[in-house]
N, C-alpha and C. Protein backbone atom coordinates (compact mmCIF):
# COMPACT_ATOMS: atom_id res chain seq x y z
N MET A 1 -11.53 -8.33 35.40
CA MET A 1 -10.34 -9.20 34.85
C MET A 1 -11.10 -10.08 33.96
N PRO A 2 -10.44 -10.10 32.43
CA PRO A 2 -11.09 -11.24 31.38
C PRO A 2 -10.81 -12.64 31.96
N ASN A 3 -11.67 -13.52 31.56
CA ASN A 3 -11.64 -14.90 31.87
C ASN A 3 -10.59 -15.30 31.02
N ALA A 4 -9.97 -16.46 31.43
CA ALA A 4 -9.03 -17.19 30.50
C ALA A 4 -8.98 -17.38 29.08
N LYS A 5 -10.50 -17.90 28.91
CA LYS A 5 -10.79 -17.94 27.25
C LYS A 5 -10.74 -16.78 26.50
N VAL A 6 -11.07 -15.69 27.00
CA VAL A 6 -11.15 -14.20 26.14
C VAL A 6 -9.58 -13.86 26.02
N LEU A 7 -9.03 -14.05 27.30
CA LEU A 7 -7.51 -13.69 27.12
C LEU A 7 -6.77 -14.36 26.25
N SER A 8 -7.04 -15.73 26.22
CA SER A 8 -5.96 -16.39 25.20
C SER A 8 -6.53 -16.19 23.71
N GLU A 9 -7.82 -15.82 23.53
CA GLU A 9 -8.41 -15.54 22.05
C GLU A 9 -7.78 -14.01 21.75
N LYS A 10 -7.45 -13.15 22.63
CA LYS A 10 -6.91 -12.08 22.58
C LYS A 10 -5.53 -12.04 22.28
N GLN A 11 -4.88 -12.94 23.01
CA GLN A 11 -3.39 -13.42 22.71
C GLN A 11 -3.10 -13.73 21.50
N ALA A 12 -4.05 -14.73 20.99
CA ALA A 12 -3.69 -15.43 19.77
C ALA A 12 -3.94 -14.13 18.61
N ILE A 13 -4.70 -13.15 18.70
CA ILE A 13 -4.95 -12.29 17.90
C ILE A 13 -3.77 -11.22 17.75
N VAL A 14 -3.32 -10.86 19.07
CA VAL A 14 -1.92 -10.20 19.13
C VAL A 14 -0.90 -10.86 18.36
N ALA A 15 -0.78 -12.18 18.63
CA ALA A 15 0.35 -12.96 17.98
C ALA A 15 0.29 -13.23 16.60
N GLU A 16 -0.86 -13.16 15.83
CA GLU A 16 -1.36 -13.32 14.51
C GLU A 16 -0.75 -11.83 14.03
N LEU A 17 -1.17 -10.82 14.61
CA LEU A 17 -1.03 -9.46 14.27
C LEU A 17 0.60 -9.14 14.40
N THR A 18 1.16 -9.54 15.01
CA THR A 18 2.73 -9.20 15.30
C THR A 18 3.13 -10.09 14.11
N GLU A 19 2.86 -11.32 13.93
CA GLU A 19 3.62 -12.02 12.88
C GLU A 19 3.25 -11.19 11.46
N LYS A 20 2.13 -10.79 11.22
CA LYS A 20 1.69 -10.16 9.98
C LYS A 20 2.48 -8.98 9.72
N ILE A 21 2.83 -8.23 10.89
CA ILE A 21 3.34 -6.91 10.97
C ILE A 21 4.90 -7.31 10.69
N GLN A 22 5.36 -8.10 11.14
CA GLN A 22 6.89 -8.72 10.77
C GLN A 22 7.00 -9.06 9.45
N LYS A 23 6.12 -9.76 8.71
CA LYS A 23 6.27 -10.13 7.45
C LYS A 23 6.03 -9.07 6.46
N ALA A 24 5.29 -8.05 6.74
CA ALA A 24 4.82 -6.97 5.82
C ALA A 24 5.85 -6.20 5.37
N SER A 25 5.93 -5.93 4.18
CA SER A 25 6.87 -4.95 3.64
C SER A 25 6.63 -3.43 3.81
N ALA A 26 5.46 -3.20 4.29
CA ALA A 26 5.05 -2.12 4.40
C ALA A 26 3.46 -2.17 4.89
N GLY A 27 3.02 -1.08 5.77
CA GLY A 27 1.77 -0.96 6.20
C GLY A 27 1.03 0.50 6.38
N VAL A 28 -0.03 0.59 6.42
CA VAL A 28 -0.79 2.26 6.77
C VAL A 28 -1.75 2.07 7.66
N LEU A 29 -1.81 2.90 8.44
CA LEU A 29 -2.83 3.02 9.63
C LEU A 29 -4.01 4.16 8.83
N VAL A 30 -5.19 3.81 9.33
CA VAL A 30 -6.13 4.70 8.54
C VAL A 30 -7.21 5.03 9.62
N ASP A 31 -7.78 6.05 9.72
CA ASP A 31 -8.82 6.32 10.32
C ASP A 31 -10.21 6.32 9.28
N TYR A 32 -11.05 5.44 9.50
CA TYR A 32 -11.95 5.08 8.58
C TYR A 32 -13.60 5.74 8.90
N LYS A 33 -13.48 6.52 9.93
CA LYS A 33 -14.87 6.76 10.52
C LYS A 33 -15.80 7.40 9.35
N GLY A 34 -16.91 7.24 9.29
CA GLY A 34 -17.81 7.83 8.47
C GLY A 34 -18.02 7.31 7.01
N ILE A 35 -17.32 6.29 6.79
CA ILE A 35 -17.62 5.46 5.33
C ILE A 35 -18.82 4.83 5.31
N THR A 36 -19.20 4.78 4.25
CA THR A 36 -20.69 3.64 3.89
C THR A 36 -19.92 2.32 3.66
N VAL A 37 -21.06 1.34 3.84
CA VAL A 37 -20.69 -0.07 3.48
C VAL A 37 -20.13 0.10 1.80
N ALA A 38 -20.89 0.90 1.21
CA ALA A 38 -20.55 0.36 -0.15
C ALA A 38 -19.21 1.10 -0.58
N GLU A 39 -18.99 2.24 0.19
CA GLU A 39 -17.51 2.67 0.01
C GLU A 39 -16.23 1.77 0.51
N ASP A 40 -16.73 1.15 1.45
CA ASP A 40 -15.78 0.20 2.25
C ASP A 40 -15.78 -0.94 1.51
N THR A 41 -16.73 -1.74 0.82
CA THR A 41 -16.61 -2.85 0.05
C THR A 41 -15.96 -2.45 -1.22
N ALA A 42 -16.03 -0.99 -1.82
CA ALA A 42 -15.32 -0.78 -3.20
C ALA A 42 -13.61 -0.87 -2.72
N LEU A 43 -13.40 0.04 -1.34
CA LEU A 43 -12.00 -0.17 -0.86
C LEU A 43 -11.39 -1.59 -0.80
N ARG A 44 -12.22 -2.35 -0.10
CA ARG A 44 -11.64 -3.83 0.09
C ARG A 44 -11.47 -4.40 -1.19
N ASN A 45 -12.32 -4.36 -1.99
CA ASN A 45 -12.18 -4.87 -3.24
C ASN A 45 -10.84 -4.54 -4.13
N GLU A 46 -10.62 -3.08 -4.16
CA GLU A 46 -9.40 -2.61 -4.96
C GLU A 46 -8.19 -3.10 -4.05
N LEU A 47 -8.44 -2.95 -2.62
CA LEU A 47 -7.31 -3.69 -1.89
C LEU A 47 -6.67 -5.06 -2.34
N ARG A 48 -7.84 -5.89 -2.43
CA ARG A 48 -7.52 -7.20 -2.55
C ARG A 48 -7.07 -7.49 -4.05
N LYS A 49 -7.41 -6.68 -5.00
CA LYS A 49 -6.53 -6.60 -6.36
C LYS A 49 -5.30 -6.37 -6.28
N ASN A 50 -4.83 -5.45 -5.49
CA ASN A 50 -3.36 -5.14 -5.04
C ASN A 50 -2.74 -5.92 -4.19
N ASN A 51 -3.24 -7.30 -3.78
CA ASN A 51 -2.50 -7.97 -2.79
C ASN A 51 -2.19 -7.63 -1.23
N VAL A 52 -3.36 -6.54 -1.11
CA VAL A 52 -3.24 -5.82 0.29
C VAL A 52 -4.12 -6.48 1.13
N GLU A 53 -3.52 -6.55 2.73
CA GLU A 53 -4.72 -7.06 3.64
C GLU A 53 -5.13 -6.17 4.15
N TYR A 54 -6.42 -6.00 4.51
CA TYR A 54 -6.95 -4.72 5.36
C TYR A 54 -7.93 -5.12 6.43
N ALA A 55 -7.80 -4.71 7.63
CA ALA A 55 -8.63 -5.22 8.62
C ALA A 55 -8.97 -4.00 9.47
N VAL A 56 -10.19 -3.74 10.25
CA VAL A 56 -10.42 -3.09 11.38
C VAL A 56 -9.74 -3.78 12.68
N VAL A 57 -9.20 -3.16 13.21
CA VAL A 57 -8.34 -3.73 14.66
C VAL A 57 -8.75 -2.77 15.63
N LYS A 58 -8.65 -3.61 17.00
CA LYS A 58 -8.96 -2.80 18.18
C LYS A 58 -7.57 -2.25 18.21
N ASN A 59 -7.49 -0.77 18.77
CA ASN A 59 -6.49 0.03 19.24
C ASN A 59 -5.39 -0.58 20.24
N THR A 60 -6.16 -1.23 21.38
CA THR A 60 -5.32 -2.03 22.42
C THR A 60 -4.56 -3.31 21.68
N LEU A 61 -5.28 -3.90 21.08
CA LEU A 61 -4.57 -5.24 20.40
C LEU A 61 -3.40 -4.72 19.50
N LEU A 62 -3.58 -3.94 18.87
CA LEU A 62 -2.75 -3.12 17.41
C LEU A 62 -1.52 -2.59 18.49
N ARG A 63 -1.80 -1.90 19.58
CA ARG A 63 -0.73 -1.41 20.36
C ARG A 63 0.28 -2.47 20.78
N PHE A 64 -0.32 -3.60 21.52
CA PHE A 64 0.57 -4.91 21.85
C PHE A 64 1.09 -5.39 20.67
N ALA A 65 0.66 -5.48 19.48
CA ALA A 65 1.53 -6.07 18.33
C ALA A 65 2.53 -5.04 17.99
N PHE A 66 2.44 -3.69 17.88
CA PHE A 66 3.38 -2.67 17.38
C PHE A 66 4.40 -2.95 18.52
N ASN A 67 3.92 -2.92 19.86
CA ASN A 67 5.27 -2.74 20.71
C ASN A 67 5.93 -4.20 20.91
N ASN A 68 5.45 -5.43 20.53
CA ASN A 68 6.00 -6.68 20.02
C ASN A 68 7.07 -6.52 19.14
N VAL A 69 6.88 -5.87 18.03
CA VAL A 69 7.77 -5.67 16.96
C VAL A 69 8.75 -4.30 16.99
N GLY A 70 8.51 -3.65 17.98
CA GLY A 70 9.21 -2.28 18.34
C GLY A 70 8.96 -1.14 17.38
N LEU A 71 7.71 -1.16 17.12
CA LEU A 71 7.16 0.04 16.37
C LEU A 71 6.32 0.97 17.43
N ASN A 72 6.80 1.25 18.75
CA ASN A 72 6.17 1.82 19.64
C ASN A 72 5.78 3.30 19.34
N GLU A 73 6.51 3.77 18.40
CA GLU A 73 5.94 5.52 17.79
C GLU A 73 4.75 5.38 17.47
N LEU A 74 4.18 4.29 16.87
CA LEU A 74 2.78 4.31 16.37
C LEU A 74 1.75 4.22 17.37
N ASP A 75 2.00 4.21 18.66
CA ASP A 75 1.26 4.13 20.04
C ASP A 75 0.31 5.66 19.71
N ASP A 76 1.01 6.65 19.55
CA ASP A 76 0.29 8.35 19.58
C ASP A 76 -1.03 7.96 18.69
N GLN A 77 -0.71 7.15 17.45
CA GLN A 77 -1.88 7.31 16.33
C GLN A 77 -3.04 6.42 16.54
N LEU A 78 -2.86 5.62 17.79
CA LEU A 78 -3.73 4.43 17.89
C LEU A 78 -4.94 4.88 18.72
N ASN A 79 -5.94 5.81 18.17
CA ASN A 79 -7.12 6.14 18.82
C ASN A 79 -8.23 6.53 18.13
N GLY A 80 -9.26 6.15 18.05
CA GLY A 80 -10.32 6.35 17.43
C GLY A 80 -10.61 5.09 16.29
N ALA A 81 -11.54 5.45 15.42
CA ALA A 81 -11.66 4.08 14.47
C ALA A 81 -10.45 3.97 13.80
N THR A 82 -9.67 2.69 13.82
CA THR A 82 -8.46 2.37 13.38
C THR A 82 -8.64 1.08 12.37
N SER A 83 -8.02 1.22 11.25
CA SER A 83 -7.94 -0.07 10.50
C SER A 83 -6.55 -0.20 9.88
N LEU A 84 -6.21 -1.26 9.59
CA LEU A 84 -4.69 -1.37 9.13
C LEU A 84 -4.67 -2.02 7.86
N ALA A 85 -3.96 -1.61 6.82
CA ALA A 85 -3.80 -2.17 5.47
C ALA A 85 -2.05 -2.65 5.36
N VAL A 86 -1.84 -3.79 5.01
CA VAL A 86 -0.45 -4.11 5.02
C VAL A 86 -0.27 -5.10 3.74
N CYS A 87 0.84 -5.02 3.27
CA CYS A 87 1.30 -5.83 1.88
C CYS A 87 2.38 -6.48 2.34
N MET A 88 2.56 -7.75 1.91
CA MET A 88 3.89 -8.69 2.16
C MET A 88 4.90 -8.62 0.99
N ASP A 89 4.29 -7.96 -0.42
CA ASP A 89 5.26 -8.00 -1.29
C ASP A 89 5.68 -6.54 -2.14
N ASP A 90 4.67 -5.58 -1.93
CA ASP A 90 4.57 -4.60 -2.69
C ASP A 90 4.69 -3.26 -1.77
N PRO A 91 5.63 -2.65 -1.24
CA PRO A 91 5.64 -1.85 -0.04
C PRO A 91 4.81 -0.59 -0.62
N VAL A 92 4.52 -0.25 -1.99
CA VAL A 92 3.95 1.20 -2.27
C VAL A 92 2.46 0.89 -2.44
N ALA A 93 2.06 -0.52 -2.44
CA ALA A 93 0.52 -0.78 -2.87
C ALA A 93 -0.57 -0.45 -1.65
N PRO A 94 -0.11 -0.33 -0.39
CA PRO A 94 -0.97 0.18 0.81
C PRO A 94 -1.31 1.58 0.61
N ALA A 95 -0.07 2.10 0.57
CA ALA A 95 -0.28 3.70 0.40
C ALA A 95 -1.02 4.07 -0.73
N ARG A 96 -0.60 3.63 -1.58
CA ARG A 96 -1.23 4.15 -3.20
C ARG A 96 -2.82 4.00 -2.90
N VAL A 97 -3.27 2.75 -2.64
CA VAL A 97 -4.72 2.45 -2.83
C VAL A 97 -5.39 3.37 -1.58
N ILE A 98 -4.83 3.41 -0.58
CA ILE A 98 -5.49 4.06 0.76
C ILE A 98 -5.48 5.61 0.27
N ALA A 99 -4.27 6.05 -0.30
CA ALA A 99 -4.38 7.51 -0.56
C ALA A 99 -5.40 7.65 -1.68
N GLU A 100 -5.70 6.90 -2.59
CA GLU A 100 -6.73 7.09 -3.70
C GLU A 100 -8.00 7.25 -3.18
N PHE A 101 -8.26 6.45 -2.08
CA PHE A 101 -9.31 6.39 -1.82
C PHE A 101 -9.65 7.75 -0.50
N ALA A 102 -8.83 8.04 0.12
CA ALA A 102 -8.62 9.37 0.90
C ALA A 102 -8.99 10.43 0.25
N LYS A 103 -8.63 10.45 -1.13
CA LYS A 103 -8.92 11.88 -1.95
C LYS A 103 -10.43 11.85 -2.30
N LYS A 104 -10.89 10.45 -2.75
CA LYS A 104 -12.12 10.26 -3.25
C LYS A 104 -13.27 10.67 -2.15
N LEU A 105 -12.87 10.32 -1.00
CA LEU A 105 -13.79 10.35 0.24
C LEU A 105 -13.78 11.79 0.92
N ASN A 106 -12.92 12.57 0.46
CA ASN A 106 -12.74 13.95 1.16
C ASN A 106 -13.12 13.98 2.68
N GLY A 107 -12.10 13.45 3.28
CA GLY A 107 -12.39 13.60 4.73
C GLY A 107 -13.06 12.87 5.68
N LYS A 108 -13.60 12.04 4.98
CA LYS A 108 -14.13 10.59 6.16
C LYS A 108 -13.04 9.64 6.19
N PHE A 109 -12.29 9.65 5.44
CA PHE A 109 -11.15 8.62 5.51
C PHE A 109 -9.54 9.22 5.46
N GLU A 110 -8.91 9.03 6.56
CA GLU A 110 -7.74 9.37 6.44
C GLU A 110 -6.56 8.70 6.83
N ILE A 111 -5.34 8.94 6.52
CA ILE A 111 -4.08 8.37 6.64
C ILE A 111 -3.50 8.71 7.90
N LYS A 112 -3.44 7.85 8.90
CA LYS A 112 -2.81 8.18 10.25
C LYS A 112 -1.16 8.10 10.15
N GLY A 113 -0.86 7.11 9.68
CA GLY A 113 0.80 7.03 9.72
C GLY A 113 0.83 5.33 8.81
N GLY A 114 2.25 5.13 9.11
CA GLY A 114 2.48 3.84 8.56
C GLY A 114 4.12 3.42 9.00
N PHE A 115 4.23 2.16 8.36
CA PHE A 115 5.52 1.66 8.75
C PHE A 115 6.19 0.91 7.11
N MET A 116 7.43 0.62 7.22
CA MET A 116 8.20 0.25 5.97
C MET A 116 9.25 -0.56 6.62
N ASP A 117 9.49 -1.77 6.30
CA ASP A 117 10.56 -2.68 6.32
C ASP A 117 11.02 -2.36 8.17
N GLY A 118 9.81 -2.55 8.88
CA GLY A 118 9.98 -2.70 10.34
C GLY A 118 10.45 -0.95 10.99
N LYS A 119 10.10 -0.26 10.18
CA LYS A 119 10.35 1.16 10.71
C LYS A 119 9.20 2.06 10.48
N VAL A 120 9.09 2.88 11.39
CA VAL A 120 7.91 3.83 11.34
C VAL A 120 8.40 4.91 10.37
N VAL A 121 7.32 5.13 9.57
CA VAL A 121 7.61 6.25 8.46
C VAL A 121 6.70 7.42 8.49
N SER A 122 6.86 8.78 8.43
CA SER A 122 6.21 9.90 8.63
C SER A 122 4.98 10.01 7.60
N LEU A 123 3.98 10.43 7.95
CA LEU A 123 2.83 10.87 6.97
C LEU A 123 3.25 11.35 5.52
N GLU A 124 4.09 12.27 5.55
CA GLU A 124 4.76 12.91 4.25
C GLU A 124 5.29 11.59 3.59
N THR A 125 6.02 10.71 4.00
CA THR A 125 6.75 9.71 3.46
C THR A 125 5.58 8.52 2.86
N VAL A 126 4.49 8.38 3.58
CA VAL A 126 3.22 7.56 3.08
C VAL A 126 2.71 8.22 2.01
N ASN A 127 2.56 9.50 2.00
CA ASN A 127 1.93 10.15 0.82
C ASN A 127 2.97 10.46 -0.48
N ALA A 128 4.26 10.27 -0.38
CA ALA A 128 5.30 10.16 -1.34
C ALA A 128 5.14 8.93 -1.68
N LEU A 129 5.22 7.97 -1.11
CA LEU A 129 4.94 6.52 -1.60
C LEU A 129 3.75 6.10 -2.21
N ALA A 130 2.59 6.82 -1.95
CA ALA A 130 1.19 6.93 -2.64
C ALA A 130 1.51 7.77 -4.15
N ALA A 131 2.49 8.32 -4.30
CA ALA A 131 2.55 9.08 -5.65
C ALA A 131 3.32 8.35 -6.73
N ILE A 132 4.08 7.11 -5.97
CA ILE A 132 4.77 6.16 -6.88
C ILE A 132 3.77 5.29 -7.76
N PRO A 133 3.82 5.14 -9.04
CA PRO A 133 2.93 4.46 -9.81
C PRO A 133 3.18 2.87 -9.43
N ALA A 134 2.18 2.23 -9.81
CA ALA A 134 2.28 0.39 -9.52
C ALA A 134 3.45 -0.07 -10.11
N LEU A 135 3.82 -1.11 -9.77
CA LEU A 135 5.05 -2.06 -10.22
C LEU A 135 4.80 -2.02 -11.71
N PRO A 136 3.49 -2.73 -12.27
CA PRO A 136 3.44 -2.92 -13.75
C PRO A 136 3.67 -1.50 -14.76
N VAL A 137 3.36 -0.70 -14.14
CA VAL A 137 3.49 0.99 -14.86
C VAL A 137 5.02 1.14 -14.69
N LEU A 138 5.41 1.04 -13.61
CA LEU A 138 6.99 1.47 -13.65
C LEU A 138 7.79 0.21 -14.65
N GLN A 139 7.39 -1.01 -14.45
CA GLN A 139 7.83 -1.80 -15.60
C GLN A 139 7.92 -1.46 -17.04
N ALA A 140 6.62 -0.98 -17.50
CA ALA A 140 6.46 -0.44 -18.74
C ALA A 140 6.97 0.74 -19.14
N GLN A 141 7.37 1.69 -18.03
CA GLN A 141 7.89 2.74 -18.31
C GLN A 141 9.54 2.63 -18.62
N VAL A 142 10.24 1.71 -17.85
CA VAL A 142 11.38 1.09 -18.18
C VAL A 142 11.74 0.46 -19.45
N LEU A 143 10.72 -0.22 -19.83
CA LEU A 143 10.92 -0.88 -21.02
C LEU A 143 10.40 0.04 -22.16
N GLY A 144 9.67 0.83 -22.24
CA GLY A 144 9.52 1.79 -23.25
C GLY A 144 10.74 2.58 -23.19
N THR A 145 11.52 3.15 -22.37
CA THR A 145 12.55 3.69 -22.29
C THR A 145 13.70 2.96 -23.04
N MET A 146 13.89 1.85 -22.62
CA MET A 146 14.96 1.01 -23.29
C MET A 146 14.73 1.03 -24.76
N LEU A 147 13.51 0.68 -25.37
CA LEU A 147 13.14 0.41 -26.40
C LEU A 147 12.75 1.78 -27.46
N ALA A 148 13.08 2.78 -26.84
CA ALA A 148 12.82 4.15 -27.72
C ALA A 148 14.05 4.25 -28.54
N PRO A 149 15.23 3.95 -28.30
CA PRO A 149 16.38 4.54 -29.02
C PRO A 149 16.34 3.30 -30.20
N ILE A 150 15.92 1.80 -30.09
CA ILE A 150 15.93 1.01 -30.94
C ILE A 150 14.53 1.36 -31.94
N SER A 151 13.55 1.69 -31.60
CA SER A 151 12.58 2.32 -32.52
C SER A 151 12.94 3.49 -33.15
N ALA A 152 13.66 4.55 -32.55
CA ALA A 152 14.33 5.43 -33.32
C ALA A 152 14.88 5.06 -34.42
N LEU A 153 15.89 4.25 -34.23
CA LEU A 153 17.07 3.60 -35.28
C LEU A 153 15.94 2.95 -36.48
N ALA A 154 14.94 2.47 -36.06
CA ALA A 154 14.32 1.62 -37.02
C ALA A 154 13.70 2.41 -38.07
N CYS A 155 13.32 3.63 -37.45
CA CYS A 155 12.59 4.68 -38.33
C CYS A 155 13.58 5.38 -39.09
N VAL A 156 14.71 5.55 -38.54
CA VAL A 156 15.45 6.38 -39.57
C VAL A 156 16.10 5.60 -40.68
N LEU A 157 16.55 4.09 -40.16
CA LEU A 157 16.83 3.23 -41.23
C LEU A 157 15.67 3.20 -42.47
N LYS A 158 14.33 3.14 -42.01
CA LYS A 158 13.41 3.12 -42.98
C LYS A 158 13.49 4.06 -43.95
N GLN A 159 13.54 5.19 -43.34
CA GLN A 159 13.53 6.78 -43.91
C GLN A 159 14.61 6.70 -44.88
N ILE A 160 15.79 6.33 -44.59
CA ILE A 160 16.88 6.30 -45.35
C ILE A 160 16.83 5.39 -46.58
N ALA A 161 16.35 4.10 -46.39
CA ALA A 161 15.62 3.06 -47.47
C ALA A 161 14.64 3.76 -48.26
N GLU A 162 13.91 4.40 -47.92
CA GLU A 162 12.70 5.07 -48.83
C GLU A 162 13.22 6.07 -49.78
N LYS A 163 14.09 6.72 -49.11
CA LYS A 163 14.64 8.05 -49.61
C LYS A 163 15.61 7.34 -50.95
N ASP A 164 16.41 6.31 -50.82
CA ASP A 164 17.18 5.75 -51.82
C ASP A 164 16.14 5.09 -52.89
N GLY A 165 15.09 5.02 -52.89
CA GLY A 165 14.28 4.50 -53.79
C GLY A 165 13.93 2.81 -53.44
N ALA A 166 14.34 2.44 -52.46
CA ALA A 166 14.08 0.93 -52.18
C ALA A 166 12.75 0.98 -51.48
N ALA A 167 11.80 0.02 -51.73
CA ALA A 167 10.62 -0.10 -51.06
C ALA A 167 10.67 -0.88 -49.70
N ALA A 168 10.25 0.05 -48.82
CA ALA A 168 10.39 -0.36 -47.37
C ALA A 168 9.04 -1.24 -46.85
N GLU A 169 9.11 -2.45 -46.38
CA GLU A 169 8.18 -2.90 -45.91
C GLU A 169 8.01 -3.08 -44.53
């Protein structure tokens, strides 16, 4: 039986994990076995750029935290080397960044599962989320779609003005 100090430290870690999981808009569980320090550093840098928190967590502590939030279905995936990536504001960011690295690292790094808005999501859903572009890219696409008719109208008006002999500026 662990002494009181160790037990209180573990309870504090579980409480912190529980709070983080509750506040997160999405999270991804990862099996990270076999990656090098350089690969891990590159991954962490990319996750930091996307405002994603990433940590290697003991399965037992993570199991307690998931049970506290009602994500008991993820218990089956808590075996082996496990890390957790969560994001508070962008539900797509953890899946996208982790999936990119999983492709790059070819089998050394694989997604186990995930959750979104307090519900467990399947591996297929995590992969589908990973295919969605980043928020700034989506915003640019929408803006481009909105500006296309205006740009086309401007081009047509310019051509009509040039056809009639007026100098277009």
